[in-house]
Amino acid sequence: MTLTDILPTLRSSLPAHLGAGVWPLTARWGDGGDLRVGGVSLAAVAAEHGTPTFVLDEADVRDRCRAYAGAFGAADVAYTGKALLTVDVARWVAAEGLGLYAGSAGEVRVAERAGFDMGRVVLYGSAKSPEDLDVAYRAGVGTIVVESMGEITRLAATAPAGQRVLVRMVDGPDRRFGMRIAGGEAAAAVARIAAQPGLRLAGFDCSVGHQLSRFSQYEREISRLCEFGAAMYRAHGVRPEQLNLGGGHAVAYRPEDFDLALEGFATRMRSVLHLEADRHGLPAPRLTVSPGRAVVARAGVTVYRVLAVTRTQGGDRLVAVDGGLSDHPATAHGAVLVGRTGRAACGPAVVVGRHNEAGDVVASDASLPADVHPGDLLAVAGTGAYHHARATNFHLVTRPTLLALAGGRSRVLIRRESLDDLLARDAG
């Protein structure tokens, strides 16, 4: 029997439990229902910077970088910037010894501005523009991922001599770009690259899936690529120096979710790689990974202000906040009241956004005090990956600020857009 069983009224005054795998590393409840991240009050953040506001726990990002570096070796980990990339985030990643997967000229420029070792930057993307390639060449990007046969011709004609390339491999009916072993496309790509004196085949790159917590799919990919690599070694005398398994590592968005057991994963993948390479008579390539979501998802929290509360005809409680689809492209599963202690028992609620869309749902299964009202603050967990990165001006709503929180201080990484910013681009 717990204290809340003995004193039921106490239950309504206790703040929600913060799942360690869902909320940022430094998230702690403070006095009066205030939530603190990096030692900074989220209520104070809202007062100073307004809402919605994205906050990022710098310690959490760095901790995840170190975990990957410890499991694989920093030289064999590259952060995939599409999840979230700013100049300061790139600096944190570089300071922890990781490389960077960049998917555009813009991401390459951010890496340059951050002082990244450009030899550790990989340019990838299904349809790289001439600008993407020109910026990558001028910056001295170390590796380029080849994802179509036509791209080999473009690189052979334009890339600096000795350009290091990886071949993106896809399997089965996957609709993404990349080379398929079935049908001979991948073999033809390797042969074409081997025939280009200006290109150097460094190995294979793949994306196995998303939100994966089991090892089996990665094991099958290693086996498939070792068999293929051995055949190419025999046929063309080129051997894969590197096998990049990509990312796709599961992140917990609910307390009951499983994330990827990183240390066990790294140990198992290295073991499988050496076994499969030996089985096929192939010198074992370096095993690399390029996580994105798994590095930054947990570090992010979005702070909203409640604008309205109502009930549907079916009795569901809807809590509307001042953001939504424009800053929150995917439904979340953790929302808590911030800045005061609820005086009523918690119950189910659906947190919805400000946009006039049925799909504008911020948190579908929140548990919030019955007395939540307009003016209250809510914090939503797990928004570090793909939220700021995919924020839009839907309904001509301005995009939020992004803050880094660490050591009891907040720092603006990306400032809030203003209405003047929006109108400045309108040529009317």
Protein backbone atom coordinates (compact mmCIF):
# COMPACT_ATOMS: atom_id res chain seq x y z
CA MET A 1 0.00 0.00 0.00
CA THR A 2 1.33 3.44 -0.99
CA LEU A 3 0.83 6.85 0.56
CA THR A 4 -1.55 7.80 -2.23
CA ASP A 5 -3.69 4.76 -1.42
CA ILE A 6 -3.95 5.91 2.19
CA LEU A 7 -4.55 9.57 1.23
CA PRO A 8 -6.32 9.58 -2.17
CA THR A 9 -6.42 13.39 -2.24
CA LEU A 10 -2.62 13.38 -2.36
CA ARG A 11 -2.71 11.71 -5.76
CA SER A 12 -4.09 14.84 -7.45
CA SER A 13 -1.30 17.03 -6.10
CA LEU A 14 1.62 14.85 -7.19
CA PRO A 15 3.28 15.66 -10.53
CA ALA A 16 3.27 13.03 -13.25
CA HIS A 17 6.04 10.42 -13.25
CA LEU A 18 8.80 11.22 -15.74
CA GLY A 19 9.85 8.05 -17.54
CA ALA A 20 13.66 8.00 -17.69
CA GLY A 21 13.73 6.66 -21.22
CA VAL A 22 11.16 9.16 -22.53
CA TRP A 23 12.02 12.50 -20.92
CA PRO A 24 15.42 14.23 -21.17
CA LEU A 25 18.32 13.05 -19.06
CA THR A 26 18.23 16.10 -16.80
CA ALA A 27 14.43 16.50 -16.53
CA ARG A 28 13.40 16.97 -12.89
CA TRP A 29 10.32 18.22 -11.08
CA GLY A 30 10.86 21.44 -9.15
CA ASP A 31 8.73 23.22 -6.60
CA GLY A 32 5.09 23.95 -7.33
CA GLY A 33 4.84 21.63 -10.31
CA ASP A 34 7.61 23.32 -12.25
CA LEU A 35 9.54 21.10 -14.65
CA ARG A 36 13.24 21.79 -15.05
CA VAL A 37 15.49 20.65 -17.88
CA GLY A 38 19.21 21.35 -17.77
CA GLY A 39 18.52 23.11 -14.49
CA VAL A 40 16.23 25.60 -16.25
CA SER A 41 12.58 26.17 -15.33
CA LEU A 42 10.25 25.52 -18.26
CA ALA A 43 7.77 27.97 -16.79
CA ALA A 44 10.52 30.60 -16.90
CA VAL A 45 11.32 29.60 -20.48
CA ALA A 46 7.68 30.21 -21.45
CA ALA A 47 7.64 33.56 -19.66
CA GLU A 48 10.81 34.76 -21.38
CA HIS A 49 10.50 33.23 -24.84
CA GLY A 50 6.78 32.64 -25.29
CA THR A 51 5.15 29.50 -26.59
CA PRO A 52 5.37 27.19 -28.41
CA THR A 53 9.08 26.77 -27.71
CA PHE A 54 11.34 23.85 -28.47
CA VAL A 55 13.93 23.08 -25.80
CA LEU A 56 16.87 20.74 -26.15
CA ASP A 57 18.80 19.16 -23.29
CA GLU A 58 22.44 19.55 -24.33
CA ALA A 59 23.61 17.02 -21.74
CA ASP A 60 21.23 14.42 -23.15
CA VAL A 61 22.46 14.89 -26.74
CA ARG A 62 26.06 14.64 -25.65
CA ASP A 63 25.28 11.60 -23.48
CA ARG A 64 23.76 9.77 -26.44
CA CYS A 65 26.73 10.70 -28.64
CA ARG A 66 29.07 9.27 -26.00
CA ALA A 67 26.99 6.11 -25.71
CA TYR A 68 27.34 5.49 -29.45
CA ALA A 69 31.03 6.36 -29.38
CA GLY A 70 31.53 3.93 -26.51
CA ALA A 71 29.64 1.14 -28.25
CA PHE A 72 31.09 1.46 -31.76
CA GLY A 73 34.05 3.82 -31.48
CA ALA A 74 33.55 7.50 -32.32
CA ALA A 75 35.28 7.13 -35.70
CA ASP A 76 32.61 4.65 -36.77
CA VAL A 77 29.55 6.75 -35.87
CA ALA A 78 28.10 9.58 -37.95
CA TYR A 79 25.05 11.53 -36.82
CA THR A 80 22.31 11.87 -39.45
CA GLY A 81 21.56 15.58 -39.44
CA LYS A 82 18.07 15.45 -40.94
CA ALA A 83 16.69 14.60 -37.48
CA LEU A 84 17.80 18.00 -36.13
CA LEU A 85 20.71 20.14 -37.21
CA THR A 86 21.86 23.58 -36.11
CA VAL A 87 25.35 25.02 -35.93
CA ASP A 88 25.54 24.34 -32.19
CA VAL A 89 24.15 20.81 -32.48
CA ALA A 90 26.81 20.12 -35.12
CA ARG A 91 29.44 21.48 -32.72
CA TRP A 92 28.25 19.16 -29.94
CA VAL A 93 28.39 16.17 -32.30
CA ALA A 94 31.86 17.10 -33.53
CA ALA A 95 33.11 17.70 -29.98
CA GLU A 96 32.04 14.17 -29.05
CA GLY A 97 34.06 12.79 -31.96
CA LEU A 98 31.23 11.72 -34.30
CA GLY A 99 30.96 12.25 -38.03
CA LEU A 100 27.95 13.68 -39.87
CA TYR A 101 25.57 12.45 -42.58
CA ALA A 102 24.39 15.52 -44.50
CA GLY A 103 21.48 15.41 -46.94
CA SER A 104 21.72 18.82 -48.62
CA ALA A 105 23.90 21.81 -49.41
CA GLY A 106 22.34 23.53 -46.39
CA GLU A 107 23.39 20.78 -44.01
CA VAL A 108 26.91 20.81 -45.46
CA ARG A 109 27.11 24.59 -44.94
CA VAL A 110 25.98 24.19 -41.32
CA ALA A 111 28.76 21.64 -40.79
CA GLU A 112 31.30 24.06 -42.28
CA ARG A 113 30.10 26.91 -40.08
CA ALA A 114 30.37 24.63 -37.05
CA GLY A 115 34.02 23.94 -37.87
CA PHE A 116 33.40 20.26 -38.60
CA ASP A 117 36.18 18.10 -40.01
CA MET A 118 34.70 17.92 -43.51
CA GLY A 119 36.55 14.71 -44.22
CA ARG A 120 34.15 13.10 -41.72
CA VAL A 121 31.04 14.41 -43.49
CA VAL A 122 29.05 12.11 -45.79
CA LEU A 123 26.72 13.55 -48.43
CA TYR A 124 23.73 11.34 -49.18
CA GLY A 125 20.35 11.74 -50.86
CA SER A 126 18.26 10.18 -53.59
CA ALA A 127 18.31 13.23 -55.87
CA LYS A 128 21.28 15.44 -55.14
CA SER A 129 21.02 18.79 -56.85
CA PRO A 130 23.92 20.43 -58.70
CA GLU A 131 24.13 22.86 -55.77
CA ASP A 132 24.35 19.97 -53.29
CA LEU A 133 27.31 18.51 -55.17
CA ASP A 134 29.04 21.83 -55.84
CA VAL A 135 28.89 22.81 -52.17
CA ALA A 136 30.08 19.35 -51.12
CA TYR A 137 33.02 19.47 -53.53
CA ARG A 138 34.10 22.95 -52.41
CA ALA A 139 33.79 21.97 -48.75
CA GLY A 140 35.88 18.83 -49.21
CA VAL A 141 33.19 16.39 -48.09
CA GLY A 142 34.93 13.08 -47.50
CA THR A 143 32.36 10.61 -48.83
CA ILE A 144 29.38 10.67 -51.18
CA VAL A 145 26.68 7.99 -51.19
CA VAL A 146 25.74 6.85 -54.70
CA GLU A 147 22.04 6.05 -54.99
CA SER A 148 21.42 5.64 -58.74
CA MET A 149 23.29 4.55 -61.87
CA GLY A 150 23.04 8.01 -63.42
CA GLU A 151 24.69 9.53 -60.38
CA ILE A 152 27.83 7.50 -61.00
CA THR A 153 28.21 9.20 -64.38
CA ARG A 154 27.68 12.64 -62.82
CA LEU A 155 30.24 12.02 -60.12
CA ALA A 156 32.78 10.60 -62.55
CA ALA A 157 32.50 13.80 -64.60
CA THR A 158 32.45 16.38 -61.80
CA ALA A 159 33.88 15.03 -58.54
CA PRO A 160 37.44 15.73 -57.37
CA ALA A 161 39.92 12.99 -58.25
CA GLY A 162 39.88 10.16 -55.75
CA GLN A 163 36.40 10.94 -54.44
CA ARG A 164 35.38 8.30 -51.93
CA VAL A 165 31.92 6.80 -52.55
CA LEU A 166 29.57 4.35 -50.86
CA VAL A 167 26.89 2.47 -52.78
CA ARG A 168 23.42 2.71 -51.21
CA MET A 169 21.85 -0.75 -51.12
CA VAL A 170 18.13 -1.42 -50.87
CA ASP A 171 16.27 -4.70 -50.72
CA GLY A 172 13.04 -6.08 -52.17
CA PRO A 173 10.14 -3.76 -53.03
CA ASP A 174 11.56 -0.74 -51.17
CA ARG A 175 10.52 2.37 -53.12
CA ARG A 176 13.51 4.44 -52.09
CA PHE A 177 16.44 5.01 -54.39
CA GLY A 178 19.39 2.68 -54.14
CA MET A 179 20.88 -0.38 -55.82
CA ARG A 180 19.20 -3.77 -55.73
CA ILE A 181 21.17 -6.99 -55.80
CA ALA A 182 18.32 -8.89 -57.44
CA GLY A 183 18.37 -8.15 -61.16
CA GLY A 184 22.05 -7.18 -61.22
CA GLU A 185 21.76 -3.41 -60.67
CA ALA A 186 24.08 -3.39 -57.66
CA ALA A 187 26.70 -5.48 -59.48
CA ALA A 188 26.52 -3.14 -62.48
CA ALA A 189 26.99 -0.14 -60.19
CA VAL A 190 30.11 -1.63 -58.59
CA ALA A 191 31.54 -2.48 -62.02
CA ARG A 192 30.91 1.05 -63.29
CA ILE A 193 32.53 2.66 -60.24
CA ALA A 194 35.51 0.30 -60.44
CA ALA A 195 36.03 1.44 -64.04
CA GLN A 196 36.19 5.13 -63.08
CA PRO A 197 39.75 6.14 -62.15
CA GLY A 198 38.49 9.26 -60.38
CA LEU A 199 36.18 7.40 -57.99
CA ARG A 200 37.12 5.12 -55.12
CA LEU A 201 34.59 2.55 -53.95
CA ALA A 202 34.73 2.54 -50.16
CA GLY A 203 31.89 0.17 -49.41
CA PHE A 204 28.15 -0.09 -48.93
CA ASP A 205 25.54 2.00 -47.20
CA CYS A 206 22.06 0.84 -46.23
CA SER A 207 18.93 1.82 -44.35
CA VAL A 208 17.40 -1.24 -42.75
CA GLY A 209 14.23 0.28 -41.31
CA HIS A 210 12.82 2.59 -38.67
CA GLN A 211 12.16 2.22 -34.95
CA LEU A 212 13.82 -1.19 -34.85
CA SER A 213 14.58 -2.78 -31.48
CA ARG A 214 15.39 -6.30 -32.66
CA PHE A 215 18.72 -7.27 -34.17
CA SER A 216 17.52 -9.80 -36.74
CA GLN A 217 16.92 -7.41 -39.64
CA TYR A 218 20.40 -5.94 -39.28
CA GLU A 219 21.90 -9.43 -39.12
CA ARG A 220 20.20 -10.42 -42.37
CA GLU A 221 21.51 -7.25 -44.03
CA ILE A 222 25.07 -7.97 -42.95
CA SER A 223 24.85 -11.51 -44.30
CA ARG A 224 23.41 -10.33 -47.61
CA LEU A 225 26.03 -7.62 -48.10
CA CYS A 226 28.98 -9.81 -47.11
CA GLU A 227 27.92 -12.38 -49.72
CA PHE A 228 27.55 -9.64 -52.33
CA GLY A 229 30.81 -7.95 -51.32
CA ALA A 230 32.72 -11.21 -51.65
CA ALA A 231 31.35 -11.71 -55.16
CA MET A 232 32.41 -8.16 -56.14
CA TYR A 233 35.85 -8.71 -54.61
CA ARG A 234 36.34 -11.78 -56.78
CA ALA A 235 34.94 -10.12 -59.91
CA HIS A 236 36.58 -6.69 -59.74
CA GLY A 237 39.31 -6.87 -57.12
CA VAL A 238 37.64 -4.17 -55.04
CA ARG A 239 36.65 -4.98 -51.50
CA PRO A 240 34.30 -3.02 -49.26
CA GLU A 241 36.31 -1.17 -46.63
CA GLN A 242 33.16 0.00 -44.86
CA LEU A 243 29.65 -1.30 -44.24
CA ASN A 244 27.29 1.33 -42.90
CA LEU A 245 24.16 -0.13 -41.29
CA GLY A 246 22.46 3.26 -41.10
CA GLY A 247 20.23 4.14 -38.18
CA GLY A 248 16.61 3.28 -37.55
CA HIS A 249 17.31 2.41 -33.93
CA ALA A 250 14.18 2.35 -31.78
CA VAL A 251 13.47 5.23 -29.41
CA ALA A 252 11.03 4.93 -26.50
CA TYR A 253 8.12 7.37 -26.78
CA ARG A 254 6.14 5.70 -23.98
CA PRO A 255 7.48 4.22 -20.73
CA GLU A 256 6.47 0.75 -21.93
CA ASP A 257 8.33 1.10 -25.26
CA PHE A 258 11.60 -0.69 -25.93
CA ASP A 259 14.58 1.19 -27.28
CA LEU A 260 17.58 -0.46 -28.89
CA ALA A 261 19.99 -2.15 -26.47
CA LEU A 262 22.98 -0.28 -27.82
CA GLU A 263 25.92 -2.11 -26.24
CA GLY A 264 24.43 -5.52 -27.01
CA PHE A 265 23.63 -4.40 -30.54
CA ALA A 266 27.18 -3.23 -31.23
CA THR A 267 28.70 -6.43 -29.83
CA ARG A 268 26.32 -8.65 -31.78
CA MET A 269 26.75 -6.77 -35.09
CA ARG A 270 30.54 -6.94 -34.90
CA SER A 271 30.35 -10.67 -34.18
CA VAL A 272 27.96 -11.33 -37.06
CA LEU A 273 30.05 -9.24 -39.44
CA HIS A 274 33.23 -11.19 -38.73
CA LEU A 275 31.45 -14.53 -38.94
CA GLU A 276 29.82 -13.68 -42.26
CA ALA A 277 32.97 -12.15 -43.72
CA ASP A 278 34.96 -15.27 -42.79
CA ARG A 279 32.25 -17.51 -44.22
CA HIS A 280 32.46 -15.76 -47.59
CA GLY A 281 36.23 -15.34 -47.65
CA LEU A 282 35.97 -11.56 -47.41
CA PRO A 283 38.28 -9.34 -45.34
CA ALA A 284 35.93 -7.89 -42.74
CA PRO A 285 34.98 -4.28 -43.50
CA ARG A 286 34.65 -1.58 -40.85
CA LEU A 287 31.18 -1.55 -39.33
CA THR A 288 29.68 1.95 -39.10
CA VAL A 289 26.31 3.37 -38.10
CA SER A 290 24.55 6.70 -38.71
CA PRO A 291 21.83 7.27 -36.09
CA GLY A 292 19.69 10.40 -36.12
CA ARG A 293 16.47 10.06 -34.12
CA ALA A 294 18.18 7.93 -31.48
CA VAL A 295 20.62 10.76 -30.67
CA VAL A 296 18.22 13.69 -30.27
CA ALA A 297 14.61 12.48 -29.83
CA ARG A 298 14.66 12.13 -26.05
CA ALA A 299 16.55 15.40 -25.58
CA GLY A 300 13.70 17.50 -26.96
CA VAL A 301 10.64 18.92 -25.19
CA THR A 302 8.06 21.35 -26.58
CA VAL A 303 6.37 23.83 -24.25
CA TYR A 304 2.82 24.89 -25.20
CA ARG A 305 0.17 27.11 -23.67
CA VAL A 306 -3.41 25.89 -23.36
CA LEU A 307 -5.87 28.06 -25.29
CA ALA A 308 -9.14 26.17 -24.89
CA VAL A 309 -10.68 23.10 -23.26
CA THR A 310 -13.86 21.38 -24.45
CA ARG A 311 -15.55 18.01 -24.70
CA THR A 312 -16.76 16.14 -27.74
CA GLN A 313 -20.27 14.73 -28.02
CA GLY A 314 -18.80 11.39 -27.09
CA GLY A 315 -17.34 12.80 -23.89
CA ASP A 316 -13.67 13.02 -24.89
CA ARG A 317 -11.83 15.96 -23.34
CA LEU A 318 -9.96 18.10 -25.88
CA VAL A 319 -7.22 20.41 -24.69
CA ALA A 320 -6.21 22.85 -27.43
CA VAL A 321 -2.75 24.43 -27.42
CA ASP A 322 -1.05 27.22 -29.36
CA GLY A 323 0.89 24.93 -31.69
CA GLY A 324 0.13 21.80 -33.66
CA LEU A 325 0.78 20.53 -37.15
CA SER A 326 3.09 23.42 -37.98
CA ASP A 327 5.56 22.43 -35.25
CA HIS A 328 4.47 18.92 -34.29
CA PRO A 329 4.32 16.65 -37.35
CA ALA A 330 3.76 13.41 -35.41
CA THR A 331 1.51 12.46 -32.51
CA ALA A 332 3.32 12.31 -29.17
CA HIS A 333 2.52 10.22 -26.13
CA GLY A 334 3.73 12.25 -23.17
CA ALA A 335 2.21 15.57 -22.07
CA VAL A 336 2.33 16.98 -18.54
CA LEU A 337 1.07 20.08 -16.78
CA VAL A 338 3.89 22.51 -16.02
CA GLY A 339 4.12 25.50 -13.74
CA ARG A 340 1.55 24.54 -11.12
CA THR A 341 0.31 21.45 -9.33
CA GLY A 342 -3.06 20.15 -10.46
CA ARG A 343 -5.74 20.36 -7.78
CA ALA A 344 -7.92 17.66 -9.33
CA ALA A 345 -7.44 14.00 -10.24
CA CYS A 346 -5.88 13.22 -13.60
CA GLY A 347 -7.95 11.80 -16.41
CA PRO A 348 -7.64 11.07 -20.12
CA ALA A 349 -7.31 13.97 -22.53
CA VAL A 350 -6.47 14.51 -26.17
CA VAL A 351 -4.14 17.45 -26.74
CA VAL A 352 -4.98 19.05 -30.09
CA GLY A 353 -3.43 21.86 -32.09
CA ARG A 354 -4.59 25.22 -33.32
CA HIS A 355 -4.97 24.24 -36.97
CA ASN A 356 -8.32 23.50 -38.51
CA GLU A 357 -7.48 19.89 -39.33
CA ALA A 358 -8.90 16.65 -37.92
CA GLY A 359 -5.39 15.20 -37.81
CA ASP A 360 -3.95 18.04 -35.76
CA VAL A 361 -3.29 15.95 -32.65
CA VAL A 362 -0.33 16.70 -30.41
CA ALA A 363 -0.85 13.96 -27.80
CA SER A 364 -3.54 11.34 -28.28
CA ASP A 365 -3.43 9.67 -24.88
CA ALA A 366 -2.44 12.30 -22.33
CA SER A 367 -3.36 12.05 -18.66
CA LEU A 368 -3.99 15.57 -17.32
CA PRO A 369 -5.64 17.04 -14.21
CA ALA A 370 -9.36 17.70 -14.55
CA ASP A 371 -8.80 21.39 -13.79
CA VAL A 372 -6.54 22.13 -16.76
CA HIS A 373 -7.67 25.47 -18.16
CA PRO A 374 -6.67 28.16 -20.68
CA GLY A 375 -3.38 29.78 -19.72
CA ASP A 376 -1.85 26.59 -18.34
CA LEU A 377 1.44 25.30 -19.70
CA LEU A 378 1.98 21.80 -21.06
CA ALA A 379 5.30 20.10 -21.82
CA VAL A 380 5.39 17.39 -24.49
CA ALA A 381 8.21 14.85 -24.46
CA GLY A 382 10.22 13.21 -27.23
CA THR A 383 10.19 16.11 -29.70
CA GLY A 384 13.91 16.42 -30.37
CA ALA A 385 13.86 14.54 -33.68
CA TYR A 386 11.94 15.68 -36.79
CA HIS A 387 9.87 18.34 -35.00
CA HIS A 388 11.95 21.46 -35.39
CA ALA A 389 13.41 19.95 -38.56
CA ARG A 390 9.97 19.57 -40.18
CA ALA A 391 8.30 22.67 -38.78
CA THR A 392 6.35 24.62 -41.41
CA ASN A 393 4.43 27.86 -41.87
CA PHE A 394 1.09 26.07 -42.29
CA HIS A 395 -1.71 28.64 -41.85
CA LEU A 396 1.12 31.20 -42.02
CA VAL A 397 1.99 30.45 -38.42
CA THR A 398 5.53 31.40 -37.43
CA ARG A 399 7.98 28.70 -36.42
CA PRO A 400 9.03 28.48 -32.76
CA THR A 401 12.35 29.28 -31.19
CA LEU A 402 14.75 26.46 -30.34
CA LEU A 403 16.66 26.72 -27.08
CA ALA A 404 19.57 24.74 -25.65
CA LEU A 405 19.33 24.18 -21.90
CA ALA A 406 22.42 23.33 -19.86
CA GLY A 407 24.00 24.26 -16.56
CA GLY A 408 21.01 26.29 -15.41
CA ARG A 409 21.09 28.53 -18.48
CA SER A 410 19.18 28.74 -21.74
CA ARG A 411 20.68 29.73 -25.07
CA VAL A 412 18.88 30.49 -28.33
CA LEU A 413 19.92 28.09 -31.10
CA ILE A 414 17.29 29.20 -33.63
CA ARG A 415 15.31 32.39 -32.99
CA ARG A 416 11.53 32.55 -33.29
CA GLU A 417 10.20 33.62 -36.68
CA SER A 418 8.22 36.83 -36.80
CA LEU A 419 5.33 37.84 -39.04
CA ASP A 420 7.74 40.27 -40.68
CA ASP A 421 9.96 37.29 -41.57
CA LEU A 422 7.02 35.65 -43.33
CA LEU A 423 6.01 38.80 -45.22
CA ALA A 424 9.60 39.54 -46.23
CA ARG A 425 9.49 36.54 -48.57
CA ASP A 426 6.17 37.55 -50.14
CA ALA A 427 6.89 39.42 -53.37
CA GLY A 428 3.36 40.87 -53.62
